[in-house]
Amino acid sequence: MVEQTDERKQRTVALMGLVGEIGDLHSMMKKLLLQRDNPSFRTELREEFGDVLWYLTSLASLYKIPLQEIAEANAEKAESLYTAGGVIVFDEGYPADERLPRKFVVNFYEKPLDRGVYVKISVNDVVIGDALTDNAHEDDGYRYHDVFHLAYAAILGWSPVTRSLLKRKRKSNSKIDEVEDGARAAIIEEAVSILIFNQAQERGFYTDASSIDIALLKTIRRMVNGLEVKACTAKQWQKAIHQGYAAFSALKEGNGGDVVVDLDLQTIHVRPSSNGNAA
């Protein structure tokens, strides 16, 4: 119907018309705030919605994009961005020694250096990974950043870095081992972590989950596109970041501790160290 009634069929005209109608809609909403008792408001609002929709449809049709396609794609995007999501087990069906443990404890402990401290982590008193310093001019606690990877494992069920640390790479499937558990996936995960970390201070270290806004979450989802973790929702990423930074703050404040990781409950929390390694 819009194509039949659109006499000009020009992109500029459609765009200017859309902008103009949105301006009219804005003015109407402003009037509603000033004149709360307007019996014709609903009728006028419906008309304005119709005008906005007409120009939007006109513009979309000029680019040969059906509104139905737009609506379906937007609904799919909204679902991925705003739904809570569930527990996803990416290594289901793999041998036991290639699966992430559903619950485990990682001890973080500090050791002194001439110019500061470094952090080691262990599971069942076995040291895993490399000793880490902040690699920075100032003490920013980045030596504890492995806790972010543990948070991704706990809430998302995904972390190539954690798989590597725990030696749980899915080697029985060469393609999965290469693509999902290999160096490129681990680099992407580290890149996500540093992106989030570099914004942490200005966002209050994510103590309020709302500081992890949709723009940041969209960026993260674009970075991991093509990996299995794309099945996780933005809400799950938000939860992983929020819990990861709560654990990070607790470790930094306590100079270490035990990190309890539970993939079934999708939780991560810190408790005082239960062994003698912690400083």
Protein backbone atom coordinates (compact mmCIF):
# COMPACT_ATOMS: atom_id res chain seq x y z
CA MET A 1 0.00 0.00 0.00
CA VAL A 2 2.80 2.45 0.84
CA GLU A 3 4.56 1.75 -2.48
CA GLN A 4 1.30 2.50 -4.30
CA THR A 5 0.72 5.80 -2.50
CA ASP A 6 4.35 7.01 -2.48
CA GLU A 7 4.33 9.26 -5.53
CA ARG A 8 7.90 10.60 -5.28
CA LYS A 9 9.75 7.47 -4.18
CA GLN A 10 12.82 9.45 -3.18
CA ARG A 11 15.04 8.54 -0.27
CA THR A 12 15.66 12.15 0.80
CA VAL A 13 11.95 12.95 0.82
CA ALA A 14 11.16 9.81 2.82
CA LEU A 15 13.92 10.54 5.33
CA MET A 16 12.93 14.19 5.79
CA GLY A 17 9.30 13.17 6.14
CA LEU A 18 10.21 10.62 8.81
CA VAL A 19 12.24 13.17 10.75
CA GLY A 20 9.41 15.69 10.50
CA GLU A 21 6.81 13.23 11.76
CA ILE A 22 9.03 12.21 14.68
CA GLY A 23 9.26 15.93 15.52
CA ASP A 24 5.46 16.15 15.48
CA LEU A 25 5.27 13.12 17.74
CA HIS A 26 7.74 14.74 20.14
CA SER A 27 5.63 17.92 20.24
CA MET A 28 2.51 15.89 20.95
CA MET A 29 4.16 14.10 23.87
CA LYS A 30 5.33 17.46 25.23
CA LYS A 31 1.77 18.77 25.00
CA LEU A 32 0.55 15.73 26.94
CA LEU A 33 2.88 16.60 29.81
CA LEU A 34 1.43 20.11 29.94
CA GLN A 35 -2.20 19.15 29.26
CA ARG A 36 -2.80 15.89 31.03
CA ASP A 37 -6.56 15.82 30.37
CA ASN A 38 -6.83 15.57 26.61
CA PRO A 39 -9.69 13.23 25.53
CA SER A 40 -8.54 13.19 21.90
CA PHE A 41 -4.92 12.35 22.72
CA ARG A 42 -5.17 8.64 21.92
CA THR A 43 -6.74 9.33 18.53
CA GLU A 44 -4.13 11.95 17.66
CA LEU A 45 -1.31 9.71 18.86
CA ARG A 46 -2.54 6.85 16.70
CA GLU A 47 -2.56 9.16 13.70
CA GLU A 48 1.00 10.31 14.40
CA PHE A 49 2.15 6.71 14.75
CA GLY A 50 0.56 6.00 11.38
CA ASP A 51 2.41 8.90 9.73
CA VAL A 52 5.73 7.81 11.22
CA LEU A 53 5.09 4.24 10.09
CA TRP A 54 4.20 5.39 6.56
CA TYR A 55 7.47 7.23 6.06
CA LEU A 56 9.46 4.46 7.73
CA THR A 57 7.86 1.91 5.43
CA SER A 58 8.53 4.13 2.44
CA LEU A 59 12.20 4.46 3.32
CA ALA A 60 12.55 0.73 3.97
CA SER A 61 10.84 -0.19 0.70
CA LEU A 62 13.22 2.04 -1.27
CA TYR A 63 16.03 -0.15 0.07
CA LYS A 64 13.90 -3.26 -0.55
CA ILE A 65 13.83 -4.25 3.13
CA PRO A 66 10.41 -5.56 4.18
CA LEU A 67 9.14 -4.30 7.55
CA GLN A 68 8.38 -7.91 8.51
CA GLU A 69 12.05 -8.76 8.05
CA ILE A 70 13.03 -5.74 10.15
CA ALA A 71 10.60 -6.67 12.92
CA GLU A 72 11.75 -10.29 13.05
CA ALA A 73 15.44 -9.36 13.11
CA ASN A 74 14.83 -6.76 15.82
CA ALA A 75 12.86 -9.24 17.93
CA GLU A 76 15.72 -11.75 17.63
CA LYS A 77 18.24 -9.06 18.62
CA ALA A 78 16.12 -7.97 21.58
CA GLU A 79 15.85 -11.55 22.78
CA SER A 80 19.63 -12.01 22.64
CA LEU A 81 20.25 -8.69 24.39
CA TYR A 82 17.65 -8.70 27.13
CA THR A 83 16.70 -12.28 28.05
CA ALA A 84 18.44 -13.90 31.00
CA GLY A 85 19.48 -17.06 29.15
CA GLY A 86 20.12 -20.45 30.72
CA VAL A 87 22.96 -22.77 31.59
CA ILE A 88 24.80 -23.77 28.41
CA VAL A 89 27.17 -26.74 28.46
CA PHE A 90 29.44 -26.33 25.46
CA ASP A 91 31.44 -29.48 26.23
CA GLU A 92 28.55 -31.87 26.81
CA GLY A 93 29.31 -35.31 25.40
CA TYR A 94 33.08 -34.88 25.48
CA PRO A 95 35.37 -37.13 27.56
CA ALA A 96 35.48 -36.21 31.25
CA ASP A 97 39.06 -34.94 31.04
CA GLU A 98 38.05 -32.51 28.28
CA ARG A 99 35.12 -30.99 30.17
CA LEU A 100 35.26 -28.02 32.48
CA PRO A 101 34.58 -29.16 36.06
CA ARG A 102 31.12 -28.09 37.14
CA LYS A 103 32.44 -26.78 40.45
CA PHE A 104 36.02 -26.06 41.51
CA VAL A 105 38.06 -23.76 43.71
CA VAL A 106 41.03 -21.67 42.55
CA ASN A 107 43.43 -20.22 45.09
CA PHE A 108 45.00 -16.82 44.32
CA TYR A 109 48.03 -15.89 46.38
CA GLU A 110 50.61 -13.13 46.30
CA LYS A 111 54.39 -13.45 46.44
CA PRO A 112 56.74 -10.48 46.97
CA LEU A 113 59.00 -9.09 44.28
CA ASP A 114 61.74 -6.46 44.53
CA ARG A 115 59.43 -3.91 42.90
CA GLY A 116 56.03 -5.15 43.99
CA VAL A 117 54.19 -8.47 44.02
CA TYR A 118 53.13 -11.17 41.65
CA VAL A 119 50.18 -13.54 41.84
CA LYS A 120 50.09 -17.28 41.38
CA ILE A 121 46.99 -19.42 41.16
CA SER A 122 46.54 -23.06 42.08
CA VAL A 123 43.89 -25.77 42.03
CA ASN A 124 44.18 -28.52 44.63
CA ASP A 125 47.62 -27.12 45.55
CA VAL A 126 48.85 -27.52 41.96
CA VAL A 127 50.05 -24.27 40.40
CA ILE A 128 48.42 -23.52 37.04
CA GLY A 129 49.39 -20.87 34.52
CA ASP A 130 52.13 -18.28 34.87
CA ALA A 131 52.86 -15.94 37.74
CA LEU A 132 51.39 -12.52 36.91
CA THR A 133 52.29 -8.94 37.76
CA ASP A 134 50.27 -5.86 36.85
CA ASN A 135 52.57 -5.05 33.91
CA ALA A 136 51.74 -1.41 34.62
CA HIS A 137 53.37 1.67 36.12
CA GLU A 138 50.79 1.79 38.91
CA ASP A 139 49.19 -0.90 41.05
CA ASP A 140 45.86 -1.53 39.33
CA GLY A 141 45.40 -5.14 40.40
CA TYR A 142 45.59 -6.59 36.91
CA ARG A 143 47.68 -9.42 38.35
CA TYR A 144 44.31 -10.85 39.47
CA HIS A 145 42.74 -10.68 36.01
CA ASP A 146 42.49 -14.48 35.64
CA VAL A 147 39.43 -14.19 37.85
CA PHE A 148 37.62 -12.62 34.88
CA HIS A 149 38.20 -15.77 32.85
CA LEU A 150 36.86 -17.84 35.72
CA ALA A 151 33.76 -15.65 35.74
CA TYR A 152 33.24 -16.27 32.02
CA ALA A 153 33.57 -20.01 32.67
CA ALA A 154 31.09 -19.89 35.55
CA ILE A 155 28.34 -17.76 34.02
CA LEU A 156 28.82 -18.33 30.29
CA GLY A 157 30.19 -21.88 30.40
CA TRP A 158 32.89 -20.55 28.07
CA SER A 159 36.53 -19.61 28.50
CA PRO A 160 39.32 -20.86 26.22
CA VAL A 161 41.80 -19.39 28.71
CA THR A 162 40.34 -21.37 31.62
CA ARG A 163 40.31 -24.53 29.49
CA SER A 164 43.98 -24.01 28.79
CA LEU A 165 44.79 -23.36 32.46
CA LEU A 166 42.92 -26.49 33.57
CA LYS A 167 44.16 -28.54 30.60
CA ARG A 168 40.59 -29.24 29.52
CA LYS A 169 40.88 -28.48 25.82
CA ARG A 170 38.63 -30.60 23.59
CA LYS A 171 41.39 -32.38 21.72
CA SER A 172 39.18 -35.29 20.70
CA ASN A 173 37.65 -32.95 18.11
CA SER A 174 40.47 -31.34 16.13
CA LYS A 175 38.28 -28.60 14.65
CA ILE A 176 36.83 -27.58 18.02
CA ASP A 177 40.29 -27.75 19.58
CA GLU A 178 41.65 -25.43 16.88
CA VAL A 179 38.78 -22.95 16.56
CA GLU A 180 37.04 -22.84 19.95
CA ASP A 181 39.90 -23.75 22.29
CA GLY A 182 42.88 -22.50 20.30
CA ALA A 183 45.07 -19.42 20.40
CA ARG A 184 42.77 -17.14 18.40
CA ALA A 185 39.79 -17.76 20.69
CA ALA A 186 41.98 -17.20 23.76
CA ILE A 187 43.31 -13.93 22.29
CA ILE A 188 39.75 -12.75 21.66
CA GLU A 189 38.85 -13.57 25.25
CA GLU A 190 41.88 -11.63 26.52
CA ALA A 191 40.94 -8.72 24.26
CA VAL A 192 37.43 -8.68 25.71
CA SER A 193 38.90 -8.69 29.23
CA ILE A 194 41.25 -5.77 28.56
CA LEU A 195 38.49 -3.79 26.83
CA ILE A 196 36.30 -4.17 29.91
CA PHE A 197 39.21 -3.51 32.29
CA ASN A 198 40.21 -0.30 30.56
CA GLN A 199 36.73 1.12 31.19
CA ALA A 200 36.36 -0.24 34.72
CA GLN A 201 37.45 2.81 36.71
CA GLU A 202 35.21 5.26 34.88
CA ARG A 203 32.32 2.81 35.30
CA GLY A 204 32.81 2.44 39.05
CA PHE A 205 34.40 -1.00 38.61
CA TYR A 206 30.98 -2.32 37.62
CA THR A 207 29.65 -2.42 41.19
CA ASP A 208 26.32 -1.43 39.67
CA ALA A 209 25.30 -3.84 36.92
CA SER A 210 23.59 -0.98 35.04
CA SER A 211 27.05 0.50 34.35
CA ILE A 212 27.57 -2.42 31.98
CA ASP A 213 25.45 -0.81 29.29
CA ILE A 214 24.05 -2.18 26.07
CA ALA A 215 26.68 -0.40 23.91
CA LEU A 216 29.52 -2.22 25.70
CA LEU A 217 27.65 -5.52 25.54
CA LYS A 218 27.03 -5.12 21.80
CA THR A 219 30.73 -4.50 21.24
CA ILE A 220 31.62 -7.64 23.17
CA ARG A 221 29.11 -9.74 21.25
CA ARG A 222 30.57 -8.48 17.96
CA MET A 223 34.06 -9.41 19.14
CA VAL A 224 33.05 -13.02 19.91
CA ASN A 225 30.86 -13.46 16.86
CA GLY A 226 31.75 -16.75 15.16
CA LEU A 227 32.59 -18.51 18.43
CA GLU A 228 30.31 -20.82 20.37
CA VAL A 229 29.81 -18.22 23.10
CA LYS A 230 27.62 -16.23 20.70
CA ALA A 231 24.81 -18.45 22.04
CA CYS A 232 25.04 -16.58 25.35
CA THR A 233 22.87 -13.52 25.86
CA ALA A 234 24.02 -9.99 26.65
CA LYS A 235 22.42 -10.39 30.07
CA GLN A 236 24.71 -13.35 30.75
CA TRP A 237 27.72 -11.27 29.73
CA GLN A 238 26.52 -8.51 32.03
CA LYS A 239 26.22 -10.98 34.91
CA ALA A 240 29.68 -12.43 34.18
CA ILE A 241 31.30 -8.99 34.20
CA HIS A 242 29.44 -7.91 37.33
CA GLN A 243 30.34 -11.03 39.31
CA GLY A 244 33.87 -11.10 37.93
CA TYR A 245 34.59 -7.59 39.15
CA ALA A 246 33.05 -8.27 42.55
CA ALA A 247 35.47 -11.20 42.87
CA PHE A 248 38.35 -9.11 41.51
CA SER A 249 37.74 -6.40 44.12
CA ALA A 250 37.57 -8.96 46.92
CA LEU A 251 40.85 -10.57 45.84
CA LYS A 252 42.63 -7.26 45.56
CA GLU A 253 41.34 -6.08 48.94
CA GLY A 254 42.22 -9.37 50.65
CA ASN A 255 45.58 -9.83 48.89
CA GLY A 256 44.29 -13.13 47.54
CA GLY A 257 41.79 -15.79 48.50
CA ASP A 258 39.87 -18.79 47.23
CA VAL A 259 37.61 -18.30 44.22
CA VAL A 260 34.67 -20.71 44.20
CA VAL A 261 33.47 -21.37 40.65
CA ASP A 262 30.09 -23.05 40.09
CA LEU A 263 29.00 -23.59 36.49
CA ASP A 264 25.65 -25.13 37.42
CA LEU A 265 24.61 -22.20 39.61
CA GLN A 266 26.39 -19.74 37.30
CA THR A 267 28.12 -18.07 40.23
CA ILE A 268 31.59 -17.06 41.34
CA HIS A 269 32.55 -15.74 44.76
CA VAL A 270 35.62 -15.27 46.94
CA ARG A 271 36.23 -16.70 50.39
CA PRO A 272 39.30 -16.49 52.67
CA SER A 273 42.12 -18.79 51.60
CA SER A 274 41.89 -22.32 53.02
CA ASN A 275 45.59 -23.12 52.56
CA GLY A 276 48.88 -21.62 53.58
CA ASN A 277 49.81 -20.18 50.20
CA ALA A 278 48.03 -16.87 50.54
CA ALA A 279 50.04 -13.96 51.82
